[in-house]
Amino acid sequence: MALYAFIRAREPGGGHWWIAVGIAAGLGLLAKYAMAYWLLSALGYVLLVREERRHLRPLLGASIIALLLYLPNFW
């Protein structure tokens, strides 16, 4: 779900999908810690591909949403 929302969020007018990315990634972190690899991969993709760097702030916002969902489990 996080990958699908990530693809849709990068489309023109897909700003609201970043919230879905954060929620899906947060729930994924609760299910398996391997979701952190997906978050790192998405971050690497956004940083390495020049045209995608415009999505860095929304991705960081989605990552914060994911970490907020994961925070009670970490606590």
C-alpha atoms as a PDB file:
ATOM      1  CA  MET A   1       0.000   0.000   0.000  1.00  0.00           C
ATOM      2  CA  ALA A   2       2.832   2.405   0.791  1.00  0.00           C
ATOM      3  CA  LEU A   3       4.412   1.814  -2.612  1.00  0.00           C
ATOM      4  CA  TYR A   4       1.108   2.391  -4.411  1.00  0.00           C
ATOM      5  CA  ALA A   5       0.491   5.594  -2.454  1.00  0.00           C
ATOM      6  CA  PHE A   6       4.092   6.693  -3.140  1.00  0.00           C
ATOM      7  CA  ILE A   7       3.585   6.249  -6.876  1.00  0.00           C
ATOM      8  CA  ARG A   8       0.268   8.110  -6.787  1.00  0.00           C
ATOM      9  CA  ALA A   9       1.705  10.897  -4.598  1.00  0.00           C
ATOM     10  CA  ARG A  10       4.373  11.658  -7.184  1.00  0.00           C
ATOM     11  CA  GLU A  11       1.750  12.231  -9.889  1.00  0.00           C
ATOM     12  CA  PRO A  12       0.562  15.788 -10.568  1.00  0.00           C
ATOM     13  CA  GLY A  13      -2.103  16.740  -8.043  1.00  0.00           C
ATOM     14  CA  GLY A  14      -1.328  13.790  -5.790  1.00  0.00           C
ATOM     15  CA  GLY A  15      -0.424  15.773  -2.696  1.00  0.00           C
ATOM     16  CA  HIS A  16      -3.019  14.122  -0.466  1.00  0.00           C
ATOM     17  CA  TRP A  17      -1.484  10.712  -1.185  1.00  0.00           C
ATOM     18  CA  TRP A  18       1.530  11.618   0.970  1.00  0.00           C
ATOM     19  CA  ILE A  19      -0.671  11.195   4.034  1.00  0.00           C
ATOM     20  CA  ALA A  20      -1.535   7.692   2.817  1.00  0.00           C
ATOM     21  CA  VAL A  21       2.197   6.995   2.369  1.00  0.00           C
ATOM     22  CA  GLY A  22       2.816   7.982   5.989  1.00  0.00           C
ATOM     23  CA  ILE A  23      -0.082   5.939   7.358  1.00  0.00           C
ATOM     24  CA  ALA A  24       0.801   2.861   5.308  1.00  0.00           C
ATOM     25  CA  ALA A  25       4.473   3.105   6.242  1.00  0.00           C
ATOM     26  CA  GLY A  26       3.596   3.549   9.913  1.00  0.00           C
ATOM     27  CA  LEU A  27       1.345   0.503   9.892  1.00  0.00           C
ATOM     28  CA  GLY A  28       4.037  -1.380   7.989  1.00  0.00           C
ATOM     29  CA  LEU A  29       6.569  -0.502  10.675  1.00  0.00           C
ATOM     30  CA  LEU A  30       4.203  -1.885  13.287  1.00  0.00           C
ATOM     31  CA  ALA A  31       3.877  -5.130  11.328  1.00  0.00           C
ATOM     32  CA  LYS A  32       7.512  -5.669  10.323  1.00  0.00           C
ATOM     33  CA  TYR A  33      10.639  -3.645  10.895  1.00  0.00           C
ATOM     34  CA  ALA A  34      11.621  -4.368   7.294  1.00  0.00           C
ATOM     35  CA  MET A  35       9.357  -1.466   6.324  1.00  0.00           C
ATOM     36  CA  ALA A  36      12.247   0.755   7.405  1.00  0.00           C
ATOM     37  CA  TYR A  37      14.147  -0.601   4.379  1.00  0.00           C
ATOM     38  CA  TRP A  38      11.342   0.599   2.130  1.00  0.00           C
ATOM     39  CA  LEU A  39      11.464   4.051   3.698  1.00  0.00           C
ATOM     40  CA  LEU A  40      15.228   4.200   3.190  1.00  0.00           C
ATOM     41  CA  SER A  41      14.825   3.014  -0.407  1.00  0.00           C
ATOM     42  CA  ALA A  42      12.199   5.665  -1.138  1.00  0.00           C
ATOM     43  CA  LEU A  43      14.447   8.305   0.421  1.00  0.00           C
ATOM     44  CA  GLY A  44      17.406   7.089  -1.647  1.00  0.00           C
ATOM     45  CA  TYR A  45      15.321   7.186  -4.823  1.00  0.00           C
ATOM     46  CA  VAL A  46      14.160  10.732  -4.143  1.00  0.00           C
ATOM     47  CA  LEU A  47      17.710  11.872  -3.371  1.00  0.00           C
ATOM     48  CA  LEU A  48      19.452  10.120  -6.258  1.00  0.00           C
ATOM     49  CA  VAL A  49      17.070  10.971  -9.099  1.00  0.00           C
ATOM     50  CA  ARG A  50      17.351  14.671  -9.831  1.00  0.00           C
ATOM     51  CA  GLU A  51      13.763  15.082 -11.091  1.00  0.00           C
ATOM     52  CA  GLU A  52      12.390  13.478  -7.925  1.00  0.00           C
ATOM     53  CA  ARG A  53      14.134  15.763  -5.454  1.00  0.00           C
ATOM     54  CA  ARG A  54      11.091  18.020  -5.429  1.00  0.00           C
ATOM     55  CA  HIS A  55       9.340  15.259  -3.472  1.00  0.00           C
ATOM     56  CA  LEU A  56      11.857  15.299  -0.621  1.00  0.00           C
ATOM     57  CA  ARG A  57       9.833  17.467   1.775  1.00  0.00           C
ATOM     58  CA  PRO A  58       6.564  15.560   1.315  1.00  0.00           C
ATOM     59  CA  LEU A  59       8.430  12.269   1.796  1.00  0.00           C
ATOM     60  CA  LEU A  60       9.992  13.548   5.001  1.00  0.00           C
ATOM     61  CA  GLY A  61       6.537  14.617   6.159  1.00  0.00           C
ATOM     62  CA  ALA A  62       5.193  11.154   5.385  1.00  0.00           C
ATOM     63  CA  SER A  63       8.130   9.653   7.292  1.00  0.00           C
ATOM     64  CA  ILE A  64       7.244  11.777  10.314  1.00  0.00           C
ATOM     65  CA  ILE A  65       3.655  10.510  10.135  1.00  0.00           C
ATOM     66  CA  ALA A  66       4.989   6.945   9.971  1.00  0.00           C
ATOM     67  CA  LEU A  67       7.264   7.489  12.963  1.00  0.00           C
ATOM     68  CA  LEU A  68       4.417   9.048  14.953  1.00  0.00           C
ATOM     69  CA  LEU A  69       2.317   5.947  14.311  1.00  0.00           C
ATOM     70  CA  TYR A  70       5.239   3.745  15.347  1.00  0.00           C
ATOM     71  CA  LEU A  71       6.174   5.819  18.404  1.00  0.00           C
ATOM     72  CA  PRO A  72       3.834   4.097  20.930  1.00  0.00           C
ATOM     73  CA  ASN A  73       5.341   0.730  20.018  1.00  0.00           C
ATOM     74  CA  PHE A  74       8.829   2.141  20.422  1.00  0.00           C
ATOM     75  CA  TRP A  75       7.960   3.710  23.766  1.00  0.00           C
END
